[in-house]
């Protein structure tokens, strides 16, 4: 994963409670809209679904992402990433070991790791292709998550040579200050997929990476 990769990292929401086939189609349609709005990376995140349905969803998303030359990352599940041929996997604190995931998926896989508010975790994540920090702002997905200050990204940027991902409560209004602090990618779930116009929401985040864009909130 190139250090030059920058932009919106769209992370999917769990499907709704409606008809499974309809919700699965809707998931693919939503991701297609996010890509149309400029998403540079997509992560499939689905908790609690049956394995067969997760595999079917992942395969459908992979086909859509491949058609747009956008990498699909699987959250937490090395075997699912391997089974469908996804670009890589994202690992959290309680997920597979990084070295084991690399051995399973190969040298070309994109493997990202969650580092929360801890630079020390990132510094020991040898072989990771990106490091994710946050939650930087209050998040409805993980309301109890730790809250680092944006300067963590600045300190990480001085020590790391891999892309840095910022996550947690990011909006088009506060995302610019995280980019200014050192983030290469902004990981967003509800800000994109809960928006009434997904493509427009994705576009608003993508514009933060354009030359001349400026932070719109003061760092705390």
Protein backbone atom coordinates (compact mmCIF):
# COMPACT_ATOMS: atom_id res chain seq x y z
CA UNK A 1 0.00 0.00 0.00
CA UNK A 2 1.65 3.17 -1.17
CA UNK A 3 2.41 6.02 1.18
CA UNK A 4 0.86 8.22 -1.53
CA UNK A 5 -2.62 6.70 -1.04
CA UNK A 6 -4.86 9.40 0.39
CA UNK A 7 -8.56 9.94 0.67
CA UNK A 8 -11.80 8.57 2.03
CA UNK A 9 -11.78 5.09 3.55
CA UNK A 10 -15.45 4.02 3.54
CA UNK A 11 -16.44 1.36 6.08
CA UNK A 12 -19.76 -0.42 5.59
CA UNK A 13 -22.61 -0.53 8.06
CA UNK A 14 -24.38 -3.71 9.12
CA UNK A 15 -27.33 -4.53 6.83
CA UNK A 16 -30.79 -3.44 7.89
CA UNK A 17 -33.45 -5.79 9.31
CA UNK A 18 -35.42 -6.07 6.07
CA UNK A 19 -35.46 -8.77 3.41
CA UNK A 20 -31.89 -10.20 3.30
CA UNK A 21 -31.63 -10.32 -0.48
CA UNK A 22 -32.87 -6.74 -0.77
CA UNK A 23 -30.56 -5.53 1.98
CA UNK A 24 -27.59 -7.28 0.37
CA UNK A 25 -28.30 -5.56 -2.95
CA UNK A 26 -28.66 -2.27 -1.12
CA UNK A 27 -25.26 -2.76 0.53
CA UNK A 28 -23.58 -3.12 -2.86
CA UNK A 29 -25.48 -0.12 -4.22
CA UNK A 30 -24.40 1.98 -1.24
CA UNK A 31 -20.76 1.05 -1.72
CA UNK A 32 -21.03 1.87 -5.43
CA UNK A 33 -22.32 5.34 -4.50
CA UNK A 34 -19.47 5.86 -2.03
CA UNK A 35 -16.98 4.94 -4.74
CA UNK A 36 -18.70 7.32 -7.14
CA UNK A 37 -18.18 10.01 -4.51
CA UNK A 38 -14.46 9.33 -4.37
CA UNK A 39 -13.86 6.59 -1.79
CA UNK A 40 -10.32 5.30 -2.28
CA UNK A 41 -10.59 2.24 -0.04
CA UNK A 42 -13.58 0.21 1.19
CA UNK A 43 -13.76 -1.96 4.29
CA UNK A 44 -16.43 -4.64 4.66
CA UNK A 45 -17.50 -4.69 8.30
CA UNK A 46 -20.38 -6.96 9.31
CA UNK A 47 -20.84 -8.25 12.82
CA UNK A 48 -23.10 -11.15 13.69
CA UNK A 49 -24.14 -12.35 10.25
CA UNK A 50 -24.08 -16.03 9.28
CA UNK A 51 -20.81 -17.02 7.57
CA UNK A 52 -22.49 -17.90 4.27
CA UNK A 53 -24.17 -14.52 4.05
CA UNK A 54 -20.97 -12.68 4.97
CA UNK A 55 -19.11 -14.54 2.24
CA UNK A 56 -21.81 -13.73 -0.33
CA UNK A 57 -21.80 -10.07 0.63
CA UNK A 58 -18.02 -9.86 0.54
CA UNK A 59 -17.88 -11.50 -2.88
CA UNK A 60 -20.48 -9.10 -4.27
CA UNK A 61 -18.65 -6.10 -2.84
CA UNK A 62 -15.35 -7.35 -4.22
CA UNK A 63 -16.79 -7.53 -7.73
CA UNK A 64 -17.99 -3.93 -7.45
CA UNK A 65 -14.73 -2.69 -5.97
CA UNK A 66 -12.61 -4.53 -8.54
CA UNK A 67 -14.63 -2.95 -11.35
CA UNK A 68 -13.71 0.48 -9.96
CA UNK A 69 -10.08 -0.42 -9.13
CA UNK A 70 -10.76 0.20 -5.43
CA UNK A 71 -9.28 -2.16 -2.84
CA UNK A 72 -11.68 -4.08 -0.60
CA UNK A 73 -10.49 -4.75 2.94
CA UNK A 74 -12.20 -7.30 5.20
CA UNK A 75 -12.65 -6.39 8.85
CA UNK A 76 -11.39 -8.91 11.39
CA UNK A 77 -11.58 -12.04 9.23
CA UNK A 78 -8.41 -13.35 7.58
CA UNK A 79 -10.09 -16.50 6.30
CA UNK A 80 -12.91 -14.59 4.65
CA UNK A 81 -10.41 -12.26 2.97
CA UNK A 82 -8.55 -15.29 1.67
CA UNK A 83 -11.70 -17.10 0.56
CA UNK A 84 -13.05 -14.26 -1.60
CA UNK A 85 -9.70 -12.89 -2.76
CA UNK A 86 -10.05 -9.49 -1.09
CA UNK A 87 -7.15 -7.03 -1.17
CA UNK A 88 -6.49 -7.44 2.52
CA UNK A 89 -7.70 -7.41 6.10
CA UNK A 90 -8.00 -4.98 9.00
CA UNK A 91 -7.00 -6.30 12.42
CA UNK A 92 -8.12 -5.03 15.80
CA UNK A 93 -6.80 -5.67 19.28
CA UNK A 94 -8.46 -9.09 19.64
CA UNK A 95 -8.07 -10.30 16.07
CA UNK A 96 -5.48 -12.47 14.33
CA UNK A 97 -1.77 -11.93 14.86
CA UNK A 98 -0.25 -9.65 12.23
CA UNK A 99 2.56 -12.05 11.32
CA UNK A 100 0.11 -14.95 11.03
CA UNK A 101 -2.19 -12.89 8.83
CA UNK A 102 0.74 -11.95 6.59
CA UNK A 103 1.79 -15.57 6.27
CA UNK A 104 -1.76 -16.56 5.37
CA UNK A 105 -2.54 -13.76 2.91
CA UNK A 106 0.86 -13.18 1.33
CA UNK A 107 3.24 -10.32 0.77
CA UNK A 108 0.93 -8.36 -1.53
CA UNK A 109 -2.04 -8.21 0.86
CA UNK A 110 -2.95 -4.91 2.52
CA UNK A 111 -2.97 -5.47 6.26
CA UNK A 112 -4.04 -2.62 8.52
CA UNK A 113 -4.01 -2.51 12.30
CA UNK A 114 -5.99 -0.58 14.88
CA UNK A 115 -3.72 1.31 17.26
CA UNK A 116 -6.42 3.29 19.14
CA UNK A 117 -4.64 6.03 21.14
CA UNK A 118 -1.29 4.22 21.34
CA UNK A 119 1.70 5.12 19.24
CA UNK A 120 3.63 2.25 20.85
CA UNK A 121 1.30 -0.27 19.21
CA UNK A 122 1.99 1.25 15.81
CA UNK A 123 5.74 1.26 16.37
CA UNK A 124 5.70 -2.48 17.08
CA UNK A 125 3.36 -3.36 14.19
CA UNK A 126 6.16 -4.42 11.87
CA UNK A 127 4.81 -5.39 8.47
CA UNK A 128 1.54 -3.45 8.70
CA UNK A 129 0.55 -1.52 5.58
CA UNK A 130 -1.31 1.16 7.51
CA UNK A 131 -2.00 2.12 11.12
CA UNK A 132 -5.38 3.39 12.28
CA UNK A 133 -5.87 5.71 15.25
CA UNK A 134 -9.00 6.93 17.02
CA UNK A 135 -11.78 7.53 17.92
CA UNK A 136 -10.86 11.20 17.53
CA UNK A 137 -14.42 12.45 18.05
CA UNK A 138 -17.55 11.02 19.71
CA UNK A 139 -18.77 8.02 17.74
CA UNK A 140 -22.17 6.34 17.67
CA UNK A 141 -20.52 3.09 16.53
CA UNK A 142 -18.13 2.91 19.50
CA UNK A 143 -19.32 5.46 22.06
CA UNK A 144 -16.90 4.25 24.73
CA UNK A 145 -13.79 4.27 22.53
CA UNK A 146 -10.66 6.09 23.69
CA UNK A 147 -10.31 9.67 22.43
CA UNK A 148 -6.77 10.68 21.39
CA UNK A 149 -5.97 14.26 20.48
CA UNK A 150 -5.15 15.05 16.83
CA UNK A 151 -1.49 15.61 17.69
CA UNK A 152 -1.15 11.83 18.00
CA UNK A 153 -1.21 11.80 14.20
CA UNK A 154 1.58 14.36 14.07
CA UNK A 155 3.74 12.30 16.41
CA UNK A 156 2.95 9.14 14.45
CA UNK A 157 3.77 10.83 11.15
CA UNK A 158 7.23 11.70 12.48
CA UNK A 159 7.93 8.06 13.39
CA UNK A 160 6.11 5.95 10.78
CA UNK A 161 6.46 5.54 7.03
CA UNK A 162 3.11 3.86 6.38
CA UNK A 163 -0.23 5.58 5.73
CA UNK A 164 -2.09 6.79 8.82
CA UNK A 165 -5.85 6.31 9.12
CA UNK A 166 -7.99 8.48 11.37
CA UNK A 167 -11.36 7.15 12.54
CA UNK A 168 -14.19 8.06 14.86
CA UNK A 169 -16.91 10.68 14.55
CA UNK A 170 -15.28 12.33 11.55
CA UNK A 171 -17.31 14.87 9.59
CA UNK A 172 -16.51 17.13 6.64
CA UNK A 173 -16.26 19.92 9.23
CA UNK A 174 -13.64 18.29 11.50
CA UNK A 175 -11.84 15.97 9.09
CA UNK A 176 -9.59 18.68 7.72
CA UNK A 177 -7.77 19.19 10.99
CA UNK A 178 -6.94 15.46 11.12
CA UNK A 179 -5.48 15.64 7.62
CA UNK A 180 -3.47 18.68 8.67
CA UNK A 181 -2.23 16.72 11.69
CA UNK A 182 -0.98 13.87 9.50
CA UNK A 183 -3.84 11.57 8.47
CA UNK A 184 -3.58 10.04 5.01
CA UNK A 185 -7.05 8.49 5.07
CA UNK A 186 -10.26 9.33 6.88
CA UNK A 187 -12.24 6.22 7.86
CA UNK A 188 -15.96 6.94 7.94
CA UNK A 189 -19.05 4.77 8.51
CA UNK A 190 -22.25 6.64 9.34
CA UNK A 191 -21.06 9.95 7.92
CA UNK A 192 -21.20 8.30 4.50
CA UNK A 193 -23.61 5.39 4.66
CA UNK A 194 -26.25 7.01 6.88
CA UNK A 195 -26.35 10.12 4.70
CA UNK A 196 -29.43 10.73 2.52
CA UNK A 197 -27.12 11.21 -0.48
CA UNK A 198 -24.20 8.81 -0.11
CA UNK A 199 -22.30 9.98 -3.17
CA UNK A 200 -22.55 13.61 -2.11
CA UNK A 201 -21.44 12.77 1.42
CA UNK A 202 -18.44 10.83 0.11
CA UNK A 203 -17.61 13.73 -2.18
CA UNK A 204 -17.61 16.16 0.75
CA UNK A 205 -14.98 14.07 2.53
CA UNK A 206 -12.96 13.57 -0.64
CA UNK A 207 -12.76 17.33 -1.20
CA UNK A 208 -10.89 17.70 2.09
CA UNK A 209 -7.89 16.12 0.37
CA UNK A 210 -7.83 18.56 -2.53
CA UNK A 211 -4.98 21.11 -2.71
CA UNK A 212 -5.86 24.23 -0.80
CA UNK A 213 -8.42 22.60 1.50
CA UNK A 214 -8.21 23.94 5.05
CA UNK A 215 -9.26 22.70 8.49
CA UNK A 216 -12.57 24.18 9.59
CA UNK A 217 -12.43 23.37 13.30
CA UNK A 218 -9.84 24.31 15.88
CA UNK A 219 -7.97 21.32 17.37
CA UNK A 220 -8.91 20.71 20.99
